[in-house]
PDB file of N, CA and C in Angstrom:
ATOM      1  N   MET A   1      -5.917 181.915  26.535  1.00  0.00           N
ATOM      2  CA  MET A   1      -4.728 182.609  27.001  1.00  0.00           C
ATOM      3  C   MET A   1      -3.621 182.412  25.968  1.00  0.00           C
ATOM      4  N   SER A   2      -2.993 183.506  25.566  1.00  0.00           N
ATOM      5  CA  SER A   2      -1.927 183.420  24.573  1.00  0.00           C
ATOM      6  C   SER A   2      -0.650 182.875  25.212  1.00  0.00           C
ATOM      7  N   ASP A   3       0.266 182.441  24.367  1.00  0.00           N
ATOM      8  CA  ASP A   3       1.550 181.922  24.826  1.00  0.00           C
ATOM      9  C   ASP A   3       2.312 182.990  25.609  1.00  0.00           C
ATOM     10  N   ILE A   4       2.301 184.208  25.101  1.00  0.00           N
ATOM     11  CA  ILE A   4       3.023 185.299  25.764  1.00  0.00           C
ATOM     12  C   ILE A   4       2.392 185.608  27.124  1.00  0.00           C
ATOM     13  N   ASP A   5       1.055 185.567  27.193  1.00  0.00           N
ATOM     14  CA  ASP A   5       0.357 185.796  28.464  1.00  0.00           C
ATOM     15  C   ASP A   5       0.746 184.724  29.476  1.00  0.00           C
ATOM     16  N   ALA A   6       0.815 183.485  29.045  1.00  0.00           N
ATOM     17  CA  ALA A   6       1.202 182.387  29.939  1.00  0.00           C
ATOM     18  C   ALA A   6       2.633 182.582  30.445  1.00  0.00           C
ATOM     19  N   LYS A   7       3.528 183.026  29.565  1.00  0.00           N
ATOM     20  CA  LYS A   7       4.924 183.258  29.974  1.00  0.00           C
ATOM     21  C   LYS A   7       5.010 184.392  30.993  1.00  0.00           C
ATOM     22  N   ILE A   8       4.250 185.472  30.752  1.00  0.00           N
ATOM     23  CA  ILE A   8       4.237 186.595  31.701  1.00  0.00           C
ATOM     24  C   ILE A   8       3.736 186.127  33.059  1.00  0.00           C
ATOM     25  N   ARG A   9       2.648 185.385  33.074  1.00  0.00           N
ATOM     26  CA  ARG A   9       2.090 184.890  34.344  1.00  0.00           C
ATOM     27  C   ARG A   9       3.096 184.011  35.089  1.00  0.00           C
ATOM     28  N   ARG A  10       3.811 183.171  34.353  1.00  0.00           N
ATOM     29  CA  ARG A  10       4.803 182.300  34.973  1.00  0.00           C
ATOM     30  C   ARG A  10       5.967 183.124  35.537  1.00  0.00           C
ATOM     31  N   LEU A  11       6.442 184.110  34.762  1.00  0.00           N
ATOM     32  CA  LEU A  11       7.529 184.963  35.237  1.00  0.00           C
ATOM     33  C   LEU A  11       7.133 185.730  36.500  1.00  0.00           C
ATOM     34  N   MET A  12       5.929 186.271  36.506  1.00  0.00           N
ATOM     35  CA  MET A  12       5.474 187.030  37.674  1.00  0.00           C
ATOM     36  C   MET A  12       5.290 186.121  38.890  1.00  0.00           C
ATOM     37  N   ALA A  13       4.783 184.916  38.661  1.00  0.00           N
ATOM     38  CA  ALA A  13       4.609 183.970  39.771  1.00  0.00           C
ATOM     39  C   ALA A  13       5.955 183.534  40.348  1.00  0.00           C
ATOM     40  N   ASP A  14       6.982 183.456  39.494  1.00  0.00           N
ATOM     41  CA  ASP A  14       8.308 183.027  39.936  1.00  0.00           C
ATOM     42  C   ASP A  14       9.131 184.146  40.576  1.00  0.00           C
ATOM     43  N   MET A  15       8.720 185.393  40.379  1.00  0.00           N
ATOM     44  CA  MET A  15       9.511 186.525  40.866  1.00  0.00           C
ATOM     45  C   MET A  15       9.840 186.434  42.362  1.00  0.00           C
ATOM     46  N   PRO A  16       8.877 186.149  43.247  1.00  0.00           N
ATOM     47  CA  PRO A  16       9.229 186.071  44.677  1.00  0.00           C
ATOM     48  C   PRO A  16      10.252 184.974  44.977  1.00  0.00           C
ATOM     49  N   ASN A  17      10.217 183.864  44.234  1.00  0.00           N
ATOM     50  CA  ASN A  17      11.166 182.766  44.461  1.00  0.00           C
ATOM     51  C   ASN A  17      12.570 183.126  43.991  1.00  0.00           C
ATOM     52  N   ALA A  18      12.679 183.979  42.981  1.00  0.00           N
ATOM     53  CA  ALA A  18      13.979 184.388  42.446  1.00  0.00           C
ATOM     54  C   ALA A  18      14.577 185.561  43.226  1.00  0.00           C
ATOM     55  N   PHE A  19      13.793 186.144  44.127  1.00  0.00           N
ATOM     56  CA  PHE A  19      14.212 187.321  44.891  1.00  0.00           C
ATOM     57  C   PHE A  19      15.343 186.980  45.847  1.00  0.00           C
ATOM     58  N   ASN A  20      16.371 187.838  45.892  1.00  0.00           N
ATOM     59  CA  ASN A  20      17.502 187.681  46.801  1.00  0.00           C
ATOM     60  C   ASN A  20      17.459 188.830  47.811  1.00  0.00           C
ATOM     61  N   PRO A  21      16.935 188.572  49.024  1.00  0.00           N
ATOM     62  CA  PRO A  21      16.767 189.657  50.006  1.00  0.00           C
ATOM     63  C   PRO A  21      18.064 190.377  50.362  1.00  0.00           C
ATOM     64  N   ALA A  22      19.189 189.666  50.374  1.00  0.00           N
ATOM     65  CA  ALA A  22      20.461 190.296  50.731  1.00  0.00           C
ATOM     66  C   ALA A  22      20.837 191.390  49.721  1.00  0.00           C
ATOM     67  N   LYS A  23      20.511 191.179  48.464  1.00  0.00           N
ATOM     68  CA  LYS A  23      20.838 192.162  47.416  1.00  0.00           C
ATOM     69  C   LYS A  23      19.949 193.401  47.505  1.00  0.00           C
ATOM     70  N   ALA A  24      18.786 193.270  48.149  1.00  0.00           N
ATOM     71  CA  ALA A  24      17.835 194.378  48.233  1.00  0.00           C
ATOM     72  C   ALA A  24      17.719 194.920  49.661  1.00  0.00           C
ATOM     73  N   ALA A  25      18.753 194.709  50.449  1.00  0.00           N
ATOM     74  CA  ALA A  25      18.723 195.167  51.840  1.00  0.00           C
ATOM     75  C   ALA A  25      18.429 196.663  51.903  1.00  0.00           C
ATOM     76  N   GLY A  26      17.479 197.034  52.743  1.00  0.00           N
ATOM     77  CA  GLY A  26      17.130 198.437  52.932  1.00  0.00           C
ATOM     78  C   GLY A  26      16.183 199.007  51.891  1.00  0.00           C
ATOM     79  N   VAL A  27      15.827 198.227  50.883  1.00  0.00           N
ATOM     80  CA  VAL A  27      14.931 198.715  49.835  1.00  0.00           C
ATOM     81  C   VAL A  27      13.478 198.546  50.277  1.00  0.00           C
ATOM     82  N   ASN A  28      12.716 199.604  50.125  1.00  0.00           N
ATOM     83  CA  ASN A  28      11.287 199.582  50.384  1.00  0.00           C
ATOM     84  C   ASN A  28      10.654 200.273  49.181  1.00  0.00           C
ATOM     85  N   ALA A  29      10.100 199.481  48.244  1.00  0.00           N
ATOM     86  CA  ALA A  29       9.652 200.059  46.983  1.00  0.00           C
ATOM     87  C   ALA A  29       8.444 199.319  46.431  1.00  0.00           C
ATOM     88  N   THR A  30       7.685 200.034  45.631  1.00  0.00           N
ATOM     89  CA  THR A  30       6.572 199.453  44.895  1.00  0.00           C
ATOM     90  C   THR A  30       6.825 199.711  43.417  1.00  0.00           C
ATOM     91  N   ILE A  31       6.791 198.635  42.633  1.00  0.00           N
ATOM     92  CA  ILE A  31       7.084 198.733  41.207  1.00  0.00           C
ATOM     93  C   ILE A  31       5.872 198.277  40.414  1.00  0.00           C
ATOM     94  N   VAL A  32       5.442 199.101  39.470  1.00  0.00           N
ATOM     95  CA  VAL A  32       4.348 198.738  38.575  1.00  0.00           C
ATOM     96  C   VAL A  32       4.948 198.405  37.218  1.00  0.00           C
ATOM     97  N   TYR A  33       4.611 197.221  36.723  1.00  0.00           N
ATOM     98  CA  TYR A  33       5.027 196.775  35.389  1.00  0.00           C
ATOM     99  C   TYR A  33       3.826 196.922  34.465  1.00  0.00           C
ATOM    100  N   ASN A  34       3.901 197.840  33.524  1.00  0.00           N
ATOM    101  CA  ASN A  34       2.843 198.044  32.539  1.00  0.00           C
ATOM    102  C   ASN A  34       3.335 197.409  31.241  1.00  0.00           C
ATOM    103  N   LEU A  35       2.869 196.191  30.980  1.00  0.00           N
ATOM    104  CA  LEU A  35       3.321 195.428  29.816  1.00  0.00           C
ATOM    105  C   LEU A  35       2.294 195.569  28.711  1.00  0.00           C
ATOM    106  N   THR A  36       2.736 196.037  27.560  1.00  0.00           N
ATOM    107  CA  THR A  36       1.835 196.388  26.468  1.00  0.00           C
ATOM    108  C   THR A  36       1.901 195.359  25.344  1.00  0.00           C
ATOM    109  N   GLY A  37       1.044 195.531  24.346  1.00  0.00           N
ATOM    110  CA  GLY A  37       1.054 194.653  23.182  1.00  0.00           C
ATOM    111  C   GLY A  37       0.373 193.327  23.470  1.00  0.00           C
ATOM    112  N   GLU A  38       0.649 192.327  22.620  1.00  0.00           N
ATOM    113  CA  GLU A  38       0.060 191.004  22.812  1.00  0.00           C
ATOM    114  C   GLU A  38       0.494 190.435  24.156  1.00  0.00           C
ATOM    115  N   GLY A  39      -0.453 189.929  24.918  1.00  0.00           N
ATOM    116  CA  GLY A  39      -0.146 189.402  26.239  1.00  0.00           C
ATOM    117  C   GLY A  39       0.028 190.495  27.272  1.00  0.00           C
ATOM    118  N   GLY A  40      -0.335 191.714  26.909  1.00  0.00           N
ATOM    119  CA  GLY A  40      -0.150 192.846  27.805  1.00  0.00           C
ATOM    120  C   GLY A  40      -0.967 192.724  29.077  1.00  0.00           C
ATOM    121  N   SER A  41      -0.403 193.223  30.151  1.00  0.00           N
ATOM    122  CA  SER A  41      -1.066 193.199  31.448  1.00  0.00           C
ATOM    123  C   SER A  41      -0.329 194.163  32.371  1.00  0.00           C
ATOM    124  N   VAL A  42      -0.897 194.378  33.534  1.00  0.00           N
ATOM    125  CA  VAL A  42      -0.283 195.265  34.524  1.00  0.00           C
ATOM    126  C   VAL A  42      -0.101 194.468  35.812  1.00  0.00           C
ATOM    127  N   TRP A  43       1.074 194.627  36.420  1.00  0.00           N
ATOM    128  CA  TRP A  43       1.418 193.901  37.651  1.00  0.00           C
ATOM    129  C   TRP A  43       2.045 194.876  38.634  1.00  0.00           C
ATOM    130  N   THR A  44       1.853 194.625  39.925  1.00  0.00           N
ATOM    131  CA  THR A  44       2.478 195.427  40.972  1.00  0.00           C
ATOM    132  C   THR A  44       3.329 194.517  41.843  1.00  0.00           C
ATOM    133  N   SER A  45       4.570 194.921  42.045  1.00  0.00           N
ATOM    134  CA  SER A  45       5.497 194.187  42.902  1.00  0.00           C
ATOM    135  C   SER A  45       5.883 195.088  44.067  1.00  0.00           C
ATOM    136  N   ARG A  46       5.930 194.495  45.248  1.00  0.00           N
ATOM    137  CA  ARG A  46       6.379 195.222  46.435  1.00  0.00           C
ATOM    138  C   ARG A  46       7.640 194.551  46.971  1.00  0.00           C
ATOM    139  N   ILE A  47       8.645 195.371  47.231  1.00  0.00           N
ATOM    140  CA  ILE A  47       9.880 194.888  47.847  1.00  0.00           C
ATOM    141  C   ILE A  47      10.017 195.635  49.168  1.00  0.00           C
ATOM    142  N   ALA A  48       9.981 194.885  50.250  1.00  0.00           N
ATOM    143  CA  ALA A  48      10.097 195.483  51.585  1.00  0.00           C
ATOM    144  C   ALA A  48      10.371 194.389  52.607  1.00  0.00           C
ATOM    145  N   ASP A  49      11.106 194.739  53.637  1.00  0.00           N
ATOM    146  CA  ASP A  49      11.364 193.839  54.762  1.00  0.00           C
ATOM    147  C   ASP A  49      11.880 192.476  54.314  1.00  0.00           C
ATOM    148  N   GLY A  50      12.754 192.466  53.302  1.00  0.00           N
ATOM    149  CA  GLY A  50      13.353 191.220  52.855  1.00  0.00           C
ATOM    150  C   GLY A  50      12.439 190.316  52.060  1.00  0.00           C
ATOM    151  N   GLN A  51      11.323 190.848  51.582  1.00  0.00           N
ATOM    152  CA  GLN A  51      10.381 190.032  50.826  1.00  0.00           C
ATOM    153  C   GLN A  51       9.976 190.729  49.534  1.00  0.00           C
ATOM    154  N   CYS A  52       9.549 189.915  48.579  1.00  0.00           N
ATOM    155  CA  CYS A  52       9.023 190.415  47.315  1.00  0.00           C
ATOM    156  C   CYS A  52       7.663 189.762  47.091  1.00  0.00           C
ATOM    157  N   THR A  53       6.659 190.582  46.848  1.00  0.00           N
ATOM    158  CA  THR A  53       5.336 190.059  46.524  1.00  0.00           C
ATOM    159  C   THR A  53       4.911 190.628  45.174  1.00  0.00           C
ATOM    160  N   VAL A  54       4.051 189.902  44.488  1.00  0.00           N
ATOM    161  CA  VAL A  54       3.579 190.317  43.171  1.00  0.00           C
ATOM    162  C   VAL A  54       2.086 190.058  43.090  1.00  0.00           C
ATOM    163  N   GLU A  55       1.349 191.020  42.535  1.00  0.00           N
ATOM    164  CA  GLU A  55      -0.073 190.810  42.294  1.00  0.00           C
ATOM    165  C   GLU A  55      -0.468 191.451  40.977  1.00  0.00           C
ATOM    166  N   GLU A  56      -1.485 190.896  40.362  1.00  0.00           N
ATOM    167  CA  GLU A  56      -1.936 191.429  39.084  1.00  0.00           C
ATOM    168  C   GLU A  56      -2.690 192.725  39.303  1.00  0.00           C
ATOM    169  N   GLY A  57      -2.504 193.665  38.384  1.00  0.00           N
ATOM    170  CA  GLY A  57      -3.180 194.951  38.448  1.00  0.00           C
ATOM    171  C   GLY A  57      -2.277 196.034  39.009  1.00  0.00           C
ATOM    172  N   GLU A  58      -2.701 197.270  38.808  1.00  0.00           N
ATOM    173  CA  GLU A  58      -1.986 198.415  39.380  1.00  0.00           C
ATOM    174  C   GLU A  58      -2.676 198.734  40.691  1.00  0.00           C
ATOM    175  N   THR A  59      -2.066 198.320  41.797  1.00  0.00           N
ATOM    176  CA  THR A  59      -2.733 198.369  43.091  1.00  0.00           C
ATOM    177  C   THR A  59      -2.304 199.542  43.964  1.00  0.00           C
ATOM    178  N   VAL A  60      -1.487 200.440  43.408  1.00  0.00           N
ATOM    179  CA  VAL A  60      -1.062 201.625  44.153  1.00  0.00           C
ATOM    180  C   VAL A  60      -1.189 202.850  43.254  1.00  0.00           C
ATOM    181  N   GLU A  61      -1.407 203.995  43.876  1.00  0.00           N
ATOM    182  CA  GLU A  61      -1.550 205.233  43.099  1.00  0.00           C
ATOM    183  C   GLU A  61      -0.217 205.867  42.743  1.00  0.00           C
ATOM    184  N   ASN A  62       0.734 205.816  43.643  1.00  0.00           N
ATOM    185  CA  ASN A  62       2.027 206.463  43.421  1.00  0.00           C
ATOM    186  C   ASN A  62       3.168 205.467  43.626  1.00  0.00           C
ATOM    187  N   PRO A  63       3.430 204.612  42.654  1.00  0.00           N
ATOM    188  CA  PRO A  63       4.507 203.638  42.829  1.00  0.00           C
ATOM    189  C   PRO A  63       5.868 204.322  42.877  1.00  0.00           C
ATOM    190  N   THR A  64       6.817 203.662  43.491  1.00  0.00           N
ATOM    191  CA  THR A  64       8.190 204.149  43.521  1.00  0.00           C
ATOM    192  C   THR A  64       8.756 204.181  42.103  1.00  0.00           C
ATOM    193  N   LEU A  65       8.340 203.198  41.312  1.00  0.00           N
ATOM    194  CA  LEU A  65       8.859 203.032  39.962  1.00  0.00           C
ATOM    195  C   LEU A  65       7.764 202.446  39.082  1.00  0.00           C
ATOM    196  N   LYS A  66       7.627 202.974  37.866  1.00  0.00           N
ATOM    197  CA  LYS A  66       6.698 202.413  36.891  1.00  0.00           C
ATOM    198  C   LYS A  66       7.483 202.113  35.624  1.00  0.00           C
ATOM    199  N   ILE A  67       7.423 200.861  35.200  1.00  0.00           N
ATOM    200  CA  ILE A  67       8.144 200.407  34.020  1.00  0.00           C
ATOM    201  C   ILE A  67       7.120 200.055  32.948  1.00  0.00           C
ATOM    202  N   THR A  68       7.235 200.676  31.787  1.00  0.00           N
ATOM    203  CA  THR A  68       6.344 200.395  30.666  1.00  0.00           C
ATOM    204  C   THR A  68       7.174 199.828  29.525  1.00  0.00           C
ATOM    205  N   MET A  69       6.754 198.651  29.043  1.00  0.00           N
ATOM    206  CA  MET A  69       7.453 198.018  27.928  1.00  0.00           C
ATOM    207  C   MET A  69       6.562 196.977  27.276  1.00  0.00           C
ATOM    208  N   ASP A  70       6.910 196.564  26.083  1.00  0.00           N
ATOM    209  CA  ASP A  70       6.177 195.533  25.379  1.00  0.00           C
ATOM    210  C   ASP A  70       6.322 194.200  26.125  1.00  0.00           C
ATOM    211  N   ALA A  71       5.236 193.433  26.203  1.00  0.00           N
ATOM    212  CA  ALA A  71       5.241 192.165  26.928  1.00  0.00           C
ATOM    213  C   ALA A  71       6.301 191.206  26.380  1.00  0.00           C
ATOM    214  N   GLN A  72       6.435 191.126  25.054  1.00  0.00           N
ATOM    215  CA  GLN A  72       7.445 190.233  24.461  1.00  0.00           C
ATOM    216  C   GLN A  72       8.849 190.696  24.817  1.00  0.00           C
ATOM    217  N   ASP A  73       9.083 191.999  24.849  1.00  0.00           N
ATOM    218  CA  ASP A  73      10.395 192.518  25.248  1.00  0.00           C
ATOM    219  C   ASP A  73      10.702 192.147  26.698  1.00  0.00           C
ATOM    220  N   TYR A  74       9.684 192.170  27.559  1.00  0.00           N
ATOM    221  CA  TYR A  74       9.878 191.788  28.964  1.00  0.00           C
ATOM    222  C   TYR A  74      10.300 190.317  29.052  1.00  0.00           C
ATOM    223  N   VAL A  75       9.599 189.456  28.315  1.00  0.00           N
ATOM    224  CA  VAL A  75       9.943 188.035  28.296  1.00  0.00           C
ATOM    225  C   VAL A  75      11.381 187.855  27.791  1.00  0.00           C
ATOM    226  N   ASP A  76      11.732 188.553  26.715  1.00  0.00           N
ATOM    227  CA  ASP A  76      13.077 188.447  26.156  1.00  0.00           C
ATOM    228  C   ASP A  76      14.136 188.945  27.137  1.00  0.00           C
ATOM    229  N   MET A  77      13.840 190.010  27.865  1.00  0.00           N
ATOM    230  CA  MET A  77      14.779 190.540  28.841  1.00  0.00           C
ATOM    231  C   MET A  77      14.978 189.540  29.986  1.00  0.00           C
ATOM    232  N   MET A  78      13.902 188.953  30.464  1.00  0.00           N
ATOM    233  CA  MET A  78      14.001 187.987  31.555  1.00  0.00           C
ATOM    234  C   MET A  78      14.753 186.723  31.118  1.00  0.00           C
ATOM    235  N   ALA A  79      14.686 186.404  29.827  1.00  0.00           N
ATOM    236  CA  ALA A  79      15.371 185.221  29.294  1.00  0.00           C
ATOM    237  C   ALA A  79      16.816 185.522  28.906  1.00  0.00           C
ATOM    238  N   GLY A  80      17.232 186.792  29.040  1.00  0.00           N
ATOM    239  CA  GLY A  80      18.595 187.160  28.709  1.00  0.00           C
ATOM    240  C   GLY A  80      18.833 187.448  27.236  1.00  0.00           C
ATOM    241  N   ARG A  81      17.759 187.515  26.453  1.00  0.00           N
ATOM    242  CA  ARG A  81      17.894 187.791  25.018  1.00  0.00           C
ATOM    243  C   ARG A  81      17.867 189.290  24.710  1.00  0.00           C
ATOM    244  N   LEU A  82      17.502 190.103  25.699  1.00  0.00           N
ATOM    245  CA  LEU A  82      17.441 191.554  25.519  1.00  0.00           C
ATOM    246  C   LEU A  82      18.112 192.207  26.717  1.00  0.00           C
ATOM    247  N   ASP A  83      19.107 193.041  26.460  1.00  0.00           N
ATOM    248  CA  ASP A  83      19.806 193.749  27.520  1.00  0.00           C
ATOM    249  C   ASP A  83      18.941 194.908  28.004  1.00  0.00           C
ATOM    250  N   GLY A  84      18.672 194.944  29.307  1.00  0.00           N
ATOM    251  CA  GLY A  84      17.800 195.966  29.876  1.00  0.00           C
ATOM    252  C   GLY A  84      18.297 197.381  29.670  1.00  0.00           C
ATOM    253  N   MET A  85      19.587 197.614  29.841  1.00  0.00           N
ATOM    254  CA  MET A  85      20.138 198.960  29.679  1.00  0.00           C
ATOM    255  C   MET A  85      20.036 199.395  28.219  1.00  0.00           C
ATOM    256  N   GLN A  86      20.347 198.488  27.309  1.00  0.00           N
ATOM    257  CA  GLN A  86      20.243 198.809  25.887  1.00  0.00           C
ATOM    258  C   GLN A  86      18.786 199.084  25.507  1.00  0.00           C
ATOM    259  N   ALA A  87      17.867 198.288  26.060  1.00  0.00           N
ATOM    260  CA  ALA A  87      16.442 198.501  25.786  1.00  0.00           C
ATOM    261  C   ALA A  87      15.991 199.867  26.295  1.00  0.00           C
ATOM    262  N   PHE A  88      16.497 200.271  27.458  1.00  0.00           N
ATOM    263  CA  PHE A  88      16.170 201.586  28.005  1.00  0.00           C
ATOM    264  C   PHE A  88      16.724 202.698  27.107  1.00  0.00           C
ATOM    265  N   MET A  89      17.966 202.543  26.701  1.00  0.00           N
ATOM    266  CA  MET A  89      18.626 203.578  25.888  1.00  0.00           C
ATOM    267  C   MET A  89      17.971 203.734  24.516  1.00  0.00           C
ATOM    268  N   THR A  90      17.359 202.667  23.996  1.00  0.00           N
ATOM    269  CA  THR A  90      16.716 202.719  22.678  1.00  0.00           C
ATOM    270  C   THR A  90      15.212 202.990  22.769  1.00  0.00           C
ATOM    271  N   GLY A  91      14.720 203.248  23.984  1.00  0.00           N
ATOM    272  CA  GLY A  91      13.315 203.606  24.158  1.00  0.00           C
ATOM    273  C   GLY A  91      12.351 202.437  24.243  1.00  0.00           C
ATOM    274  N   LYS A  92      12.870 201.207  24.318  1.00  0.00           N
ATOM    275  CA  LYS A  92      11.983 200.047  24.441  1.00  0.00           C
ATOM    276  C   LYS A  92      11.411 199.934  25.854  1.00  0.00           C
ATOM    277  N   ILE A  93      12.111 200.538  26.806  1.00  0.00           N
ATOM    278  CA  ILE A  93      11.639 200.568  28.193  1.00  0.00           C
ATOM    279  C   ILE A  93      11.482 202.035  28.586  1.00  0.00           C
ATOM    280  N   LYS A  94      10.323 202.348  29.133  1.00  0.00           N
ATOM    281  CA  LYS A  94      10.087 203.692  29.658  1.00  0.00           C
ATOM    282  C   LYS A  94       9.969 203.573  31.174  1.00  0.00           C
ATOM    283  N   VAL A  95      10.661 204.466  31.872  1.00  0.00           N
ATOM    284  CA  VAL A  95      10.714 204.421  33.326  1.00  0.00           C
ATOM    285  C   VAL A  95      10.214 205.735  33.890  1.00  0.00           C
ATOM    286  N   GLU A  96       9.321 205.636  34.863  1.00  0.00           N
ATOM    287  CA  GLU A  96       8.856 206.806  35.611  1.00  0.00           C
ATOM    288  C   GLU A  96       9.175 206.559  37.072  1.00  0.00           C
ATOM    289  N   GLY A  97       9.762 207.541  37.720  1.00  0.00           N
ATOM    290  CA  GLY A  97      10.056 207.404  39.145  1.00  0.00           C
ATOM    291  C   GLY A  97      11.541 207.229  39.397  1.00  0.00           C
ATOM    292  N   ASP A  98      11.868 206.383  40.352  1.00  0.00           N
ATOM    293  CA  ASP A  98      13.229 206.200  40.859  1.00  0.00           C
ATOM    294  C   ASP A  98      14.101 205.462  39.837  1.00  0.00           C
ATOM    295  N   ILE A  99      14.805 206.216  39.016  1.00  0.00           N
ATOM    296  CA  ILE A  99      15.632 205.615  37.956  1.00  0.00           C
ATOM    297  C   ILE A  99      16.808 204.839  38.536  1.00  0.00           C
ATOM    298  N   MET A 100      17.298 205.248  39.696  1.00  0.00           N
ATOM    299  CA  MET A 100      18.393 204.501  40.332  1.00  0.00           C
ATOM    300  C   MET A 100      17.911 203.119  40.758  1.00  0.00           C
ATOM    301  N   LEU A 101      16.688 203.036  41.253  1.00  0.00           N
ATOM    302  CA  LEU A 101      16.113 201.738  41.589  1.00  0.00           C
ATOM    303  C   LEU A 101      16.000 200.881  40.328  1.00  0.00           C
ATOM    304  N   ALA A 102      15.562 201.492  39.237  1.00  0.00           N
ATOM    305  CA  ALA A 102      15.424 200.759  37.973  1.00  0.00           C
ATOM    306  C   ALA A 102      16.757 200.157  37.548  1.00  0.00           C
ATOM    307  N   SER A 103      17.842 200.900  37.729  1.00  0.00           N
ATOM    308  CA  SER A 103      19.157 200.413  37.314  1.00  0.00           C
ATOM    309  C   SER A 103      19.646 199.255  38.185  1.00  0.00           C
ATOM    310  N   ARG A 104      19.150 199.142  39.415  1.00  0.00           N
ATOM    311  CA  ARG A 104      19.567 198.090  40.347  1.00  0.00           C
ATOM    312  C   ARG A 104      18.611 196.904  40.373  1.00  0.00           C
ATOM    313  N   LEU A 105      17.433 197.076  39.839  1.00  0.00           N
ATOM    314  CA  LEU A 105      16.353 196.102  40.020  1.00  0.00           C
ATOM    315  C   LEU A 105      16.737 194.673  39.630  1.00  0.00           C
ATOM    316  N   MET A 106      17.361 194.498  38.484  1.00  0.00           N
ATOM    317  CA  MET A 106      17.702 193.149  38.018  1.00  0.00           C
ATOM    318  C   MET A 106      18.669 192.430  38.974  1.00  0.00           C
ATOM    319  N   THR A 107      19.489 193.191  39.724  1.00  0.00           N
ATOM    320  CA  THR A 107      20.435 192.577  40.637  1.00  0.00           C
ATOM    321  C   THR A 107      19.751 191.953  41.859  1.00  0.00           C
ATOM    322  N   PHE A 108      18.482 192.273  42.074  1.00  0.00           N
ATOM    323  CA  PHE A 108      17.755 191.733  43.230  1.00  0.00           C
ATOM    324  C   PHE A 108      17.254 190.313  42.996  1.00  0.00           C
ATOM    325  N   PHE A 109      17.415 189.813  41.779  1.00  0.00           N
ATOM    326  CA  PHE A 109      16.846 188.513  41.418  1.00  0.00           C
ATOM    327  C   PHE A 109      17.900 187.614  40.792  1.00  0.00           C
ATOM    328  N   SER A 110      17.766 186.314  41.067  1.00  0.00           N
ATOM    329  CA  SER A 110      18.715 185.358  40.481  1.00  0.00           C
ATOM    330  C   SER A 110      18.155 184.770  39.213  1.00  0.00           C
TER     331      SER A 110
END
């Protein structure tokens, strides 16, 4: 397992613990993270009923939101070294689906 793969796995495992249900009140969404490059993998997160769950793989056919980005860029964004909006504007992040959800997503986590 590469270092980047280990970091991705740790970030995904920690996602439910970092979730702030009050910030996501009323949200019912499925998000697919398609992480490319070294350490690349696919993950599905569900936000509903005040909970966030994460599982490896693309487990839904029509997610509310699909985010495609390089795995290292994802790690850098989660660490605060890469601004998500700037990454989106420069094409480092590709979004399919509910773009308004994408713009709010980071606020759901501490």
